Amino acid sequence: MRNLIVALCLAVGAVLTGCRKSDVTTVVISVPEMKNTACAEIVIHAVYTVEHVAITNMNADVGTRELTVTYDSMKRGLKNIEMAIAGAGFAANEVPANAEAAKKLPPECLE
């Protein structure tokens, strides 16, 4: 009987811990060209357009030129977010900006 209880507890524990549906992660992304609020709005919009990114919090700090994003990493990865920012014309961490998109940025982001 004792062995049955132990086996049942182990089985329930394995089921409860083995089926993660979300993994909320907070990352800080360096965006060197995010010089002002106009640039920050473009960056934020780019992140929100990434398909299936479940964002719970996002904060752009133009002083440090960093974007803090809290998201569900089980839905999309950091690289997806970095690529969206780069696609909008801004470098993100080690991902270079898309040159064509950077040329189309408003003048206040090109200064």
PDB file of N, CA and C in Angstrom:
ATOM      1  N   MET A   1       0.819  -1.187   0.000  1.00  0.00           N
ATOM      2  CA  MET A   1       0.000   0.000   0.000  1.00  0.00           C
ATOM      3  C   MET A   1       0.876   1.270   0.000  1.00  0.00           C
ATOM      4  N   ARG A   2       1.917   1.218   0.825  1.00  0.00           N
ATOM      5  CA  ARG A   2       2.818   2.370   0.899  1.00  0.00           C
ATOM      6  C   ARG A   2       3.477   2.631  -0.460  1.00  0.00           C
ATOM      7  N   ASN A   3       3.899   1.571  -1.144  1.00  0.00           N
ATOM      8  CA  ASN A   3       4.522   1.704  -2.464  1.00  0.00           C
ATOM      9  C   ASN A   3       3.547   2.304  -3.472  1.00  0.00           C
ATOM     10  N   LEU A   4       2.288   1.961  -3.367  1.00  0.00           N
ATOM     11  CA  LEU A   4       1.271   2.495  -4.264  1.00  0.00           C
ATOM     12  C   LEU A   4       1.111   4.001  -4.043  1.00  0.00           C
ATOM     13  N   ILE A   5       1.108   4.434  -2.803  1.00  0.00           N
ATOM     14  CA  ILE A   5       0.974   5.862  -2.485  1.00  0.00           C
ATOM     15  C   ILE A   5       2.186   6.634  -2.992  1.00  0.00           C
ATOM     16  N   VAL A   6       3.371   6.091  -2.794  1.00  0.00           N
ATOM     17  CA  VAL A   6       4.591   6.742  -3.274  1.00  0.00           C
ATOM     18  C   VAL A   6       4.569   6.834  -4.800  1.00  0.00           C
ATOM     19  N   ALA A   7       4.198   5.780  -5.467  1.00  0.00           N
ATOM     20  CA  ALA A   7       4.131   5.775  -6.932  1.00  0.00           C
ATOM     21  C   ALA A   7       3.107   6.784  -7.427  1.00  0.00           C
ATOM     22  N   LEU A   8       1.967   6.859  -6.771  1.00  0.00           N
ATOM     23  CA  LEU A   8       0.932   7.806  -7.156  1.00  0.00           C
ATOM     24  C   LEU A   8       1.415   9.245  -6.963  1.00  0.00           C
ATOM     25  N   CYS A   9       2.080   9.522  -5.873  1.00  0.00           N
ATOM     26  CA  CYS A   9       2.627  10.866  -5.621  1.00  0.00           C
ATOM     27  C   CYS A   9       3.666  11.243  -6.671  1.00  0.00           C
ATOM     28  N   LEU A  10       4.526  10.308  -7.027  1.00  0.00           N
ATOM     29  CA  LEU A  10       5.540  10.570  -8.051  1.00  0.00           C
ATOM     30  C   LEU A  10       4.894  10.829  -9.411  1.00  0.00           C
ATOM     31  N   ALA A  11       3.872  10.070  -9.734  1.00  0.00           N
ATOM     32  CA  ALA A  11       3.184  10.246 -11.017  1.00  0.00           C
ATOM     33  C   ALA A  11       2.500  11.605 -11.081  1.00  0.00           C
ATOM     34  N   VAL A  12       1.810  11.994 -10.026  1.00  0.00           N
ATOM     35  CA  VAL A  12       1.140  13.294  -9.990  1.00  0.00           C
ATOM     36  C   VAL A  12       2.180  14.414 -10.066  1.00  0.00           C
ATOM     37  N   GLY A  13       3.274  14.277  -9.349  1.00  0.00           N
ATOM     38  CA  GLY A  13       4.333  15.282  -9.394  1.00  0.00           C
ATOM     39  C   GLY A  13       4.931  15.430 -10.783  1.00  0.00           C
ATOM     40  N   ALA A  14       5.131  14.316 -11.461  1.00  0.00           N
ATOM     41  CA  ALA A  14       5.695  14.357 -12.817  1.00  0.00           C
ATOM     42  C   ALA A  14       4.737  15.038 -13.775  1.00  0.00           C
ATOM     43  N   VAL A  15       3.466  14.780 -13.650  1.00  0.00           N
ATOM     44  CA  VAL A  15       2.478  15.399 -14.532  1.00  0.00           C
ATOM     45  C   VAL A  15       2.410  16.899 -14.283  1.00  0.00           C
ATOM     46  N   LEU A  16       2.405  17.303 -13.042  1.00  0.00           N
ATOM     47  CA  LEU A  16       2.279  18.724 -12.719  1.00  0.00           C
ATOM     48  C   LEU A  16       3.512  19.527 -13.096  1.00  0.00           C
ATOM     49  N   THR A  17       4.681  18.953 -13.016  1.00  0.00           N
ATOM     50  CA  THR A  17       5.894  19.708 -13.332  1.00  0.00           C
ATOM     51  C   THR A  17       6.325  19.571 -14.781  1.00  0.00           C
ATOM     52  N   GLY A  18       5.850  18.588 -15.484  1.00  0.00           N
ATOM     53  CA  GLY A  18       6.321  18.339 -16.843  1.00  0.00           C
ATOM     54  C   GLY A  18       5.551  19.043 -17.937  1.00  0.00           C
ATOM     55  N   CYS A  19       4.479  19.714 -17.633  1.00  0.00           N
ATOM     56  CA  CYS A  19       3.631  20.309 -18.659  1.00  0.00           C
ATOM     57  C   CYS A  19       3.545  21.818 -18.498  1.00  0.00           C
ATOM     58  N   ARG A  20       4.654  22.496 -18.636  1.00  0.00           N
ATOM     59  CA  ARG A  20       4.643  23.952 -18.541  1.00  0.00           C
ATOM     60  C   ARG A  20       3.926  24.527 -19.744  1.00  0.00           C
ATOM     61  N   LYS A  21       3.065  25.481 -19.501  1.00  0.00           N
ATOM     62  CA  LYS A  21       2.358  26.135 -20.586  1.00  0.00           C
ATOM     63  C   LYS A  21       2.868  27.549 -20.811  1.00  0.00           C
ATOM     64  N   SER A  22       3.597  28.072 -19.823  1.00  0.00           N
ATOM     65  CA  SER A  22       4.157  29.406 -19.994  1.00  0.00           C
ATOM     66  C   SER A  22       5.444  29.525 -19.187  1.00  0.00           C
ATOM     67  N   ASP A  23       6.259  30.454 -19.603  1.00  0.00           N
ATOM     68  CA  ASP A  23       7.516  30.740 -18.916  1.00  0.00           C
ATOM     69  C   ASP A  23       7.756  32.239 -19.057  1.00  0.00           C
ATOM     70  N   VAL A  24       7.277  33.005 -18.105  1.00  0.00           N
ATOM     71  CA  VAL A  24       7.389  34.456 -18.167  1.00  0.00           C
ATOM     72  C   VAL A  24       8.832  34.853 -17.885  1.00  0.00           C
ATOM     73  N   THR A  25       9.394  35.616 -18.811  1.00  0.00           N
ATOM     74  CA  THR A  25      10.790  36.027 -18.762  1.00  0.00           C
ATOM     75  C   THR A  25      10.882  37.534 -18.945  1.00  0.00           C
ATOM     76  N   THR A  26      11.797  38.168 -18.245  1.00  0.00           N
ATOM     77  CA  THR A  26      12.063  39.591 -18.441  1.00  0.00           C
ATOM     78  C   THR A  26      13.474  39.740 -18.989  1.00  0.00           C
ATOM     79  N   VAL A  27      13.582  40.481 -20.098  1.00  0.00           N
ATOM     80  CA  VAL A  27      14.884  40.720 -20.716  1.00  0.00           C
ATOM     81  C   VAL A  27      15.087  42.215 -20.915  1.00  0.00           C
ATOM     82  N   VAL A  28      16.336  42.621 -20.940  1.00  0.00           N
ATOM     83  CA  VAL A  28      16.692  44.001 -21.251  1.00  0.00           C
ATOM     84  C   VAL A  28      17.434  43.964 -22.582  1.00  0.00           C
ATOM     85  N   ILE A  29      16.907  44.711 -23.536  1.00  0.00           N
ATOM     86  CA  ILE A  29      17.471  44.734 -24.891  1.00  0.00           C
ATOM     87  C   ILE A  29      18.112  46.097 -25.125  1.00  0.00           C
ATOM     88  N   SER A  30      19.358  46.079 -25.529  1.00  0.00           N
ATOM     89  CA  SER A  30      20.064  47.310 -25.861  1.00  0.00           C
ATOM     90  C   SER A  30      19.631  47.779 -27.249  1.00  0.00           C
ATOM     91  N   VAL A  31      19.160  49.028 -27.331  1.00  0.00           N
ATOM     92  CA  VAL A  31      18.737  49.624 -28.602  1.00  0.00           C
ATOM     93  C   VAL A  31      19.460  50.973 -28.719  1.00  0.00           C
ATOM     94  N   PRO A  32      20.713  50.951 -29.176  1.00  0.00           N
ATOM     95  CA  PRO A  32      21.547  52.165 -29.168  1.00  0.00           C
ATOM     96  C   PRO A  32      20.968  53.370 -29.913  1.00  0.00           C
ATOM     97  N   GLU A  33      20.196  53.127 -30.974  1.00  0.00           N
ATOM     98  CA  GLU A  33      19.653  54.235 -31.764  1.00  0.00           C
ATOM     99  C   GLU A  33      18.337  54.780 -31.221  1.00  0.00           C
ATOM    100  N   MET A  34      17.828  54.254 -30.114  1.00  0.00           N
ATOM    101  CA  MET A  34      16.569  54.709 -29.527  1.00  0.00           C
ATOM    102  C   MET A  34      16.847  55.977 -28.719  1.00  0.00           C
ATOM    103  N   LYS A  35      16.899  57.114 -29.427  1.00  0.00           N
ATOM    104  CA  LYS A  35      17.375  58.364 -28.853  1.00  0.00           C
ATOM    105  C   LYS A  35      16.306  59.204 -28.166  1.00  0.00           C
ATOM    106  N   ASN A  36      15.043  58.984 -28.507  1.00  0.00           N
ATOM    107  CA  ASN A  36      13.973  59.812 -27.961  1.00  0.00           C
ATOM    108  C   ASN A  36      12.654  59.043 -27.959  1.00  0.00           C
ATOM    109  N   THR A  37      11.587  59.707 -27.510  1.00  0.00           N
ATOM    110  CA  THR A  37      10.304  59.009 -27.398  1.00  0.00           C
ATOM    111  C   THR A  37       9.726  58.613 -28.749  1.00  0.00           C
ATOM    112  N   ALA A  38       9.996  59.383 -29.792  1.00  0.00           N
ATOM    113  CA  ALA A  38       9.514  59.011 -31.122  1.00  0.00           C
ATOM    114  C   ALA A  38      10.129  57.683 -31.563  1.00  0.00           C
ATOM    115  N   CYS A  39      11.413  57.528 -31.319  1.00  0.00           N
ATOM    116  CA  CYS A  39      12.100  56.271 -31.650  1.00  0.00           C
ATOM    117  C   CYS A  39      11.571  55.137 -30.771  1.00  0.00           C
ATOM    118  N   ALA A  40      11.362  55.429 -29.496  1.00  0.00           N
ATOM    119  CA  ALA A  40      10.859  54.413 -28.569  1.00  0.00           C
ATOM    120  C   ALA A  40       9.495  53.903 -29.004  1.00  0.00           C
ATOM    121  N   GLU A  41       8.635  54.792 -29.480  1.00  0.00           N
ATOM    122  CA  GLU A  41       7.307  54.376 -29.951  1.00  0.00           C
ATOM    123  C   GLU A  41       7.411  53.424 -31.142  1.00  0.00           C
ATOM    124  N   ILE A  42       8.347  53.676 -32.028  1.00  0.00           N
ATOM    125  CA  ILE A  42       8.548  52.796 -33.190  1.00  0.00           C
ATOM    126  C   ILE A  42       9.028  51.425 -32.723  1.00  0.00           C
ATOM    127  N   VAL A  43       9.961  51.413 -31.796  1.00  0.00           N
ATOM    128  CA  VAL A  43      10.495  50.153 -31.264  1.00  0.00           C
ATOM    129  C   VAL A  43       9.395  49.360 -30.565  1.00  0.00           C
ATOM    130  N   ILE A  44       8.621  50.029 -29.719  1.00  0.00           N
ATOM    131  CA  ILE A  44       7.543  49.357 -28.999  1.00  0.00           C
ATOM    132  C   ILE A  44       6.519  48.787 -29.971  1.00  0.00           C
ATOM    133  N   HIS A  45       6.147  49.566 -30.965  1.00  0.00           N
ATOM    134  CA  HIS A  45       5.191  49.084 -31.963  1.00  0.00           C
ATOM    135  C   HIS A  45       5.734  47.848 -32.689  1.00  0.00           C
ATOM    136  N   ALA A  46       7.016  47.864 -33.009  1.00  0.00           N
ATOM    137  CA  ALA A  46       7.622  46.715 -33.694  1.00  0.00           C
ATOM    138  C   ALA A  46       7.535  45.458 -32.846  1.00  0.00           C
ATOM    139  N   VAL A  47       7.764  45.580 -31.557  1.00  0.00           N
ATOM    140  CA  VAL A  47       7.701  44.406 -30.668  1.00  0.00           C
ATOM    141  C   VAL A  47       6.269  43.896 -30.566  1.00  0.00           C
ATOM    142  N   TYR A  48       5.314  44.819 -30.461  1.00  0.00           N
ATOM    143  CA  TYR A  48       3.916  44.391 -30.350  1.00  0.00           C
ATOM    144  C   TYR A  48       3.408  43.703 -31.611  1.00  0.00           C
ATOM    145  N   THR A  49       4.069  43.912 -32.739  1.00  0.00           N
ATOM    146  CA  THR A  49       3.603  43.276 -33.975  1.00  0.00           C
ATOM    147  C   THR A  49       4.144  41.863 -34.179  1.00  0.00           C
ATOM    148  N   VAL A  50       5.036  41.404 -33.314  1.00  0.00           N
ATOM    149  CA  VAL A  50       5.569  40.043 -33.424  1.00  0.00           C
ATOM    150  C   VAL A  50       4.440  39.064 -33.116  1.00  0.00           C
ATOM    151  N   GLU A  51       4.197  38.176 -34.034  1.00  0.00           N
ATOM    152  CA  GLU A  51       3.097  37.222 -33.899  1.00  0.00           C
ATOM    153  C   GLU A  51       3.313  36.285 -32.712  1.00  0.00           C
ATOM    154  N   HIS A  52       2.287  36.113 -31.930  1.00  0.00           N
ATOM    155  CA  HIS A  52       2.246  35.187 -30.794  1.00  0.00           C
ATOM    156  C   HIS A  52       3.181  35.561 -29.648  1.00  0.00           C
ATOM    157  N   VAL A  53       3.589  36.815 -29.548  1.00  0.00           N
ATOM    158  CA  VAL A  53       4.374  37.217 -28.382  1.00  0.00           C
ATOM    159  C   VAL A  53       3.391  37.689 -27.315  1.00  0.00           C
ATOM    160  N   ALA A  54       3.378  36.996 -26.202  1.00  0.00           N
ATOM    161  CA  ALA A  54       2.496  37.350 -25.095  1.00  0.00           C
ATOM    162  C   ALA A  54       3.258  38.285 -24.157  1.00  0.00           C
ATOM    163  N   ILE A  55       3.142  39.587 -24.387  1.00  0.00           N
ATOM    164  CA  ILE A  55       3.873  40.584 -23.611  1.00  0.00           C
ATOM    165  C   ILE A  55       3.036  40.990 -22.401  1.00  0.00           C
ATOM    166  N   THR A  56       3.640  40.923 -21.236  1.00  0.00           N
ATOM    167  CA  THR A  56       2.931  41.341 -20.036  1.00  0.00           C
ATOM    168  C   THR A  56       3.395  42.711 -19.557  1.00  0.00           C
ATOM    169  N   ASN A  57       4.577  43.146 -19.994  1.00  0.00           N
ATOM    170  CA  ASN A  57       5.080  44.455 -19.595  1.00  0.00           C
ATOM    171  C   ASN A  57       6.200  44.865 -20.553  1.00  0.00           C
ATOM    172  N   MET A  58       6.246  46.171 -20.873  1.00  0.00           N
ATOM    173  CA  MET A  58       7.323  46.680 -21.716  1.00  0.00           C
ATOM    174  C   MET A  58       7.603  48.114 -21.304  1.00  0.00           C
ATOM    175  N   ASN A  59       8.885  48.446 -21.199  1.00  0.00           N
ATOM    176  CA  ASN A  59       9.288  49.782 -20.800  1.00  0.00           C
ATOM    177  C   ASN A  59      10.505  50.202 -21.627  1.00  0.00           C
ATOM    178  N   ALA A  60      10.383  51.344 -22.289  1.00  0.00           N
ATOM    179  CA  ALA A  60      11.496  51.891 -23.060  1.00  0.00           C
ATOM    180  C   ALA A  60      12.140  53.017 -22.266  1.00  0.00           C
ATOM    181  N   ASP A  61      13.441  52.926 -22.058  1.00  0.00           N
ATOM    182  CA  ASP A  61      14.200  53.956 -21.344  1.00  0.00           C
ATOM    183  C   ASP A  61      15.143  54.606 -22.346  1.00  0.00           C
ATOM    184  N   VAL A  62      14.776  55.811 -22.813  1.00  0.00           N
ATOM    185  CA  VAL A  62      15.619  56.478 -23.808  1.00  0.00           C
ATOM    186  C   VAL A  62      16.915  56.995 -23.206  1.00  0.00           C
ATOM    187  N   GLY A  63      16.939  57.186 -21.898  1.00  0.00           N
ATOM    188  CA  GLY A  63      18.178  57.624 -21.228  1.00  0.00           C
ATOM    189  C   GLY A  63      19.271  56.580 -21.330  1.00  0.00           C
ATOM    190  N   THR A  64      18.911  55.328 -21.064  1.00  0.00           N
ATOM    191  CA  THR A  64      19.892  54.244 -21.147  1.00  0.00           C
ATOM    192  C   THR A  64      19.855  53.546 -22.502  1.00  0.00           C
ATOM    193  N   ARG A  65      18.836  53.908 -23.315  1.00  0.00           N
ATOM    194  CA  ARG A  65      18.617  53.292 -24.634  1.00  0.00           C
ATOM    195  C   ARG A  65      18.437  51.786 -24.513  1.00  0.00           C
ATOM    196  N   GLU A  66      17.564  51.422 -23.571  1.00  0.00           N
ATOM    197  CA  GLU A  66      17.257  50.018 -23.334  1.00  0.00           C
ATOM    198  C   GLU A  66      15.754  49.802 -23.308  1.00  0.00           C
ATOM    199  N   LEU A  67      15.360  48.647 -23.786  1.00  0.00           N
ATOM    200  CA  LEU A  67      13.969  48.234 -23.771  1.00  0.00           C
ATOM    201  C   LEU A  67      13.861  47.017 -22.867  1.00  0.00           C
ATOM    202  N   THR A  68      13.009  47.119 -21.849  1.00  0.00           N
ATOM    203  CA  THR A  68      12.772  45.998 -20.944  1.00  0.00           C
ATOM    204  C   THR A  68      11.444  45.366 -21.337  1.00  0.00           C
ATOM    205  N   VAL A  69      11.477  44.074 -21.614  1.00  0.00           N
ATOM    206  CA  VAL A  69      10.280  43.362 -22.064  1.00  0.00           C
ATOM    207  C   VAL A  69      10.056  42.142 -21.176  1.00  0.00           C
ATOM    208  N   THR A  70       8.836  41.999 -20.687  1.00  0.00           N
ATOM    209  CA  THR A  70       8.426  40.807 -19.959  1.00  0.00           C
ATOM    210  C   THR A  70       7.447  40.081 -20.865  1.00  0.00           C
ATOM    211  N   TYR A  71       7.764  38.839 -21.193  1.00  0.00           N
ATOM    212  CA  TYR A  71       6.959  38.103 -22.162  1.00  0.00           C
ATOM    213  C   TYR A  71       7.003  36.611 -21.852  1.00  0.00           C
ATOM    214  N   ASP A  72       6.151  35.870 -22.520  1.00  0.00           N
ATOM    215  CA  ASP A  72       6.094  34.424 -22.360  1.00  0.00           C
ATOM    216  C   ASP A  72       7.059  33.786 -23.358  1.00  0.00           C
ATOM    217  N   SER A  73       8.177  33.309 -22.859  1.00  0.00           N
ATOM    218  CA  SER A  73       9.203  32.754 -23.754  1.00  0.00           C
ATOM    219  C   SER A  73       8.827  31.381 -24.305  1.00  0.00           C
ATOM    220  N   MET A  74       7.716  30.820 -23.863  1.00  0.00           N
ATOM    221  CA  MET A  74       7.231  29.564 -24.442  1.00  0.00           C
ATOM    222  C   MET A  74       6.509  29.837 -25.760  1.00  0.00           C
ATOM    223  N   LYS A  75       6.112  31.098 -26.008  1.00  0.00           N
ATOM    224  CA  LYS A  75       5.395  31.470 -27.230  1.00  0.00           C
ATOM    225  C   LYS A  75       6.367  31.912 -28.329  1.00  0.00           C
ATOM    226  N   ARG A  76       7.340  32.732 -27.979  1.00  0.00           N
ATOM    227  CA  ARG A  76       8.343  33.233 -28.922  1.00  0.00           C
ATOM    228  C   ARG A  76       9.641  33.439 -28.169  1.00  0.00           C
ATOM    229  N   GLY A  77      10.732  33.508 -28.909  1.00  0.00           N
ATOM    230  CA  GLY A  77      12.041  33.679 -28.296  1.00  0.00           C
ATOM    231  C   GLY A  77      12.541  35.109 -28.372  1.00  0.00           C
ATOM    232  N   LEU A  78      13.593  35.367 -27.632  1.00  0.00           N
ATOM    233  CA  LEU A  78      14.226  36.678 -27.629  1.00  0.00           C
ATOM    234  C   LEU A  78      14.651  37.081 -29.037  1.00  0.00           C
ATOM    235  N   LYS A  79      15.148  36.146 -29.802  1.00  0.00           N
ATOM    236  CA  LYS A  79      15.617  36.455 -31.158  1.00  0.00           C
ATOM    237  C   LYS A  79      14.485  37.008 -32.020  1.00  0.00           C
ATOM    238  N   ASN A  80      13.240  36.517 -31.831  1.00  0.00           N
ATOM    239  CA  ASN A  80      12.099  37.049 -32.577  1.00  0.00           C
ATOM    240  C   ASN A  80      11.885  38.527 -32.259  1.00  0.00           C
ATOM    241  N   ILE A  81      12.022  38.880 -30.996  1.00  0.00           N
ATOM    242  CA  ILE A  81      11.850  40.274 -30.584  1.00  0.00           C
ATOM    243  C   ILE A  81      12.985  41.130 -31.140  1.00  0.00           C
ATOM    244  N   GLU A  82      14.208  40.647 -31.034  1.00  0.00           N
ATOM    245  CA  GLU A  82      15.356  41.389 -31.575  1.00  0.00           C
ATOM    246  C   GLU A  82      15.215  41.598 -33.086  1.00  0.00           C
ATOM    247  N   MET A  83      14.771  40.586 -33.791  1.00  0.00           N
ATOM    248  CA  MET A  83      14.612  40.691 -35.249  1.00  0.00           C
ATOM    249  C   MET A  83      13.514  41.690 -35.619  1.00  0.00           C
ATOM    250  N   ALA A  84      12.454  41.764 -34.825  1.00  0.00           N
ATOM    251  CA  ALA A  84      11.388  42.738 -35.085  1.00  0.00           C
ATOM    252  C   ALA A  84      11.910  44.161 -34.917  1.00  0.00           C
ATOM    253  N   ILE A  85      12.707  44.373 -33.878  1.00  0.00           N
ATOM    254  CA  ILE A  85      13.298  45.700 -33.649  1.00  0.00           C
ATOM    255  C   ILE A  85      14.254  46.049 -34.788  1.00  0.00           C
ATOM    256  N   ALA A  86      15.079  45.091 -35.187  1.00  0.00           N
ATOM    257  CA  ALA A  86      16.018  45.316 -36.297  1.00  0.00           C
ATOM    258  C   ALA A  86      15.257  45.600 -37.586  1.00  0.00           C
ATOM    259  N   GLY A  87      14.145  44.924 -37.785  1.00  0.00           N
ATOM    260  CA  GLY A  87      13.322  45.144 -38.975  1.00  0.00           C
ATOM    261  C   GLY A  87      12.701  46.524 -39.014  1.00  0.00           C
ATOM    262  N   ALA A  88      12.569  47.149 -37.855  1.00  0.00           N
ATOM    263  CA  ALA A  88      12.037  48.507 -37.778  1.00  0.00           C
ATOM    264  C   ALA A  88      13.126  49.564 -37.989  1.00  0.00           C
ATOM    265  N   GLY A  89      14.381  49.123 -38.102  1.00  0.00           N
ATOM    266  CA  GLY A  89      15.472  50.055 -38.381  1.00  0.00           C
ATOM    267  C   GLY A  89      16.404  50.348 -37.226  1.00  0.00           C
ATOM    268  N   PHE A  90      16.296  49.580 -36.154  1.00  0.00           N
ATOM    269  CA  PHE A  90      17.129  49.799 -34.968  1.00  0.00           C
ATOM    270  C   PHE A  90      17.914  48.532 -34.642  1.00  0.00           C
ATOM    271  N   ALA A  91      19.171  48.679 -34.273  1.00  0.00           N
ATOM    272  CA  ALA A  91      19.941  47.530 -33.801  1.00  0.00           C
ATOM    273  C   ALA A  91      19.369  47.093 -32.457  1.00  0.00           C
ATOM    274  N   ALA A  92      19.391  45.784 -32.220  1.00  0.00           N
ATOM    275  CA  ALA A  92      18.878  45.229 -30.965  1.00  0.00           C
ATOM    276  C   ALA A  92      19.879  44.211 -30.458  1.00  0.00           C
ATOM    277  N   ASN A  93      20.547  44.539 -29.350  1.00  0.00           N
ATOM    278  CA  ASN A  93      21.633  43.712 -28.831  1.00  0.00           C
ATOM    279  C   ASN A  93      22.655  43.513 -29.945  1.00  0.00           C
ATOM    280  N   GLU A  94      22.908  42.289 -30.350  1.00  0.00           N
ATOM    281  CA  GLU A  94      23.916  42.012 -31.382  1.00  0.00           C
ATOM    282  C   GLU A  94      23.325  41.939 -32.791  1.00  0.00           C
ATOM    283  N   VAL A  95      22.015  42.132 -32.913  1.00  0.00           N
ATOM    284  CA  VAL A  95      21.348  42.051 -34.220  1.00  0.00           C
ATOM    285  C   VAL A  95      21.396  43.437 -34.866  1.00  0.00           C
ATOM    286  N   PRO A  96      22.022  43.550 -36.045  1.00  0.00           N
ATOM    287  CA  PRO A  96      22.123  44.864 -36.690  1.00  0.00           C
ATOM    288  C   PRO A  96      20.782  45.321 -37.258  1.00  0.00           C
ATOM    289  N   ALA A  97      20.629  46.631 -37.360  1.00  0.00           N
ATOM    290  CA  ALA A  97      19.416  47.217 -37.922  1.00  0.00           C
ATOM    291  C   ALA A  97      19.300  46.892 -39.403  1.00  0.00           C
ATOM    292  N   ASN A  98      18.087  46.746 -39.871  1.00  0.00           N
ATOM    293  CA  ASN A  98      17.821  46.597 -41.297  1.00  0.00           C
ATOM    294  C   ASN A  98      18.125  47.951 -41.942  1.00  0.00           C
ATOM    295  N   ALA A  99      19.077  47.985 -42.861  1.00  0.00           N
ATOM    296  CA  ALA A  99      19.552  49.243 -43.444  1.00  0.00           C
ATOM    297  C   ALA A  99      18.446  49.982 -44.189  1.00  0.00           C
ATOM    298  N   GLU A 100      17.622  49.272 -44.927  1.00  0.00           N
ATOM    299  CA  GLU A 100      16.537  49.916 -45.678  1.00  0.00           C
ATOM    300  C   GLU A 100      15.508  50.533 -44.735  1.00  0.00           C
ATOM    301  N   ALA A 101      15.170  49.816 -43.672  1.00  0.00           N
ATOM    302  CA  ALA A 101      14.213  50.344 -42.699  1.00  0.00           C
ATOM    303  C   ALA A 101      14.803  51.541 -41.959  1.00  0.00           C
ATOM    304  N   ALA A 102      16.100  51.496 -41.671  1.00  0.00           N
ATOM    305  CA  ALA A 102      16.750  52.610 -40.964  1.00  0.00           C
ATOM    306  C   ALA A 102      16.707  53.890 -41.798  1.00  0.00           C
ATOM    307  N   LYS A 103      16.814  53.767 -43.112  1.00  0.00           N
ATOM    308  CA  LYS A 103      16.758  54.937 -43.992  1.00  0.00           C
ATOM    309  C   LYS A 103      15.380  55.609 -43.969  1.00  0.00           C
ATOM    310  N   LYS A 104      14.350  54.850 -43.634  1.00  0.00           N
ATOM    311  CA  LYS A 104      12.973  55.349 -43.656  1.00  0.00           C
ATOM    312  C   LYS A 104      12.502  55.899 -42.298  1.00  0.00           C
ATOM    313  N   LEU A 105      13.381  55.874 -41.303  1.00  0.00           N
ATOM    314  CA  LEU A 105      13.014  56.380 -39.981  1.00  0.00           C
ATOM    315  C   LEU A 105      12.786  57.897 -40.043  1.00  0.00           C
ATOM    316  N   PRO A 106      11.941  58.419 -39.152  1.00  0.00           N
ATOM    317  CA  PRO A 106      11.744  59.874 -39.136  1.00  0.00           C
ATOM    318  C   PRO A 106      13.029  60.619 -38.777  1.00  0.00           C
ATOM    319  N   PRO A 107      13.131  61.872 -39.184  1.00  0.00           N
ATOM    320  CA  PRO A 107      14.374  62.635 -38.958  1.00  0.00           C
ATOM    321  C   PRO A 107      14.823  62.667 -37.498  1.00  0.00           C
ATOM    322  N   GLU A 108      13.886  62.719 -36.560  1.00  0.00           N
ATOM    323  CA  GLU A 108      14.266  62.781 -35.144  1.00  0.00           C
ATOM    324  C   GLU A 108      14.959  61.518 -34.665  1.00  0.00           C
ATOM    325  N   CYS A 109      14.825  60.426 -35.411  1.00  0.00           N
ATOM    326  CA  CYS A 109      15.519  59.182 -35.055  1.00  0.00           C
ATOM    327  C   CYS A 109      16.849  59.040 -35.784  1.00  0.00           C
ATOM    328  N   LEU A 110      17.096  59.905 -36.739  1.00  0.00           N
ATOM    329  CA  LEU A 110      18.329  59.810 -37.530  1.00  0.00           C
ATOM    330  C   LEU A 110      19.409  60.764 -37.055  1.00  0.00           C
ATOM    331  N   GLU A 111      19.079  61.646 -36.161  1.00  0.00           N
ATOM    332  CA  GLU A 111      20.045  62.670 -35.701  1.00  0.00           C
ATOM    333  C   GLU A 111      21.190  62.065 -34.965  1.00  0.00           C
TER     334      GLU A 111
END
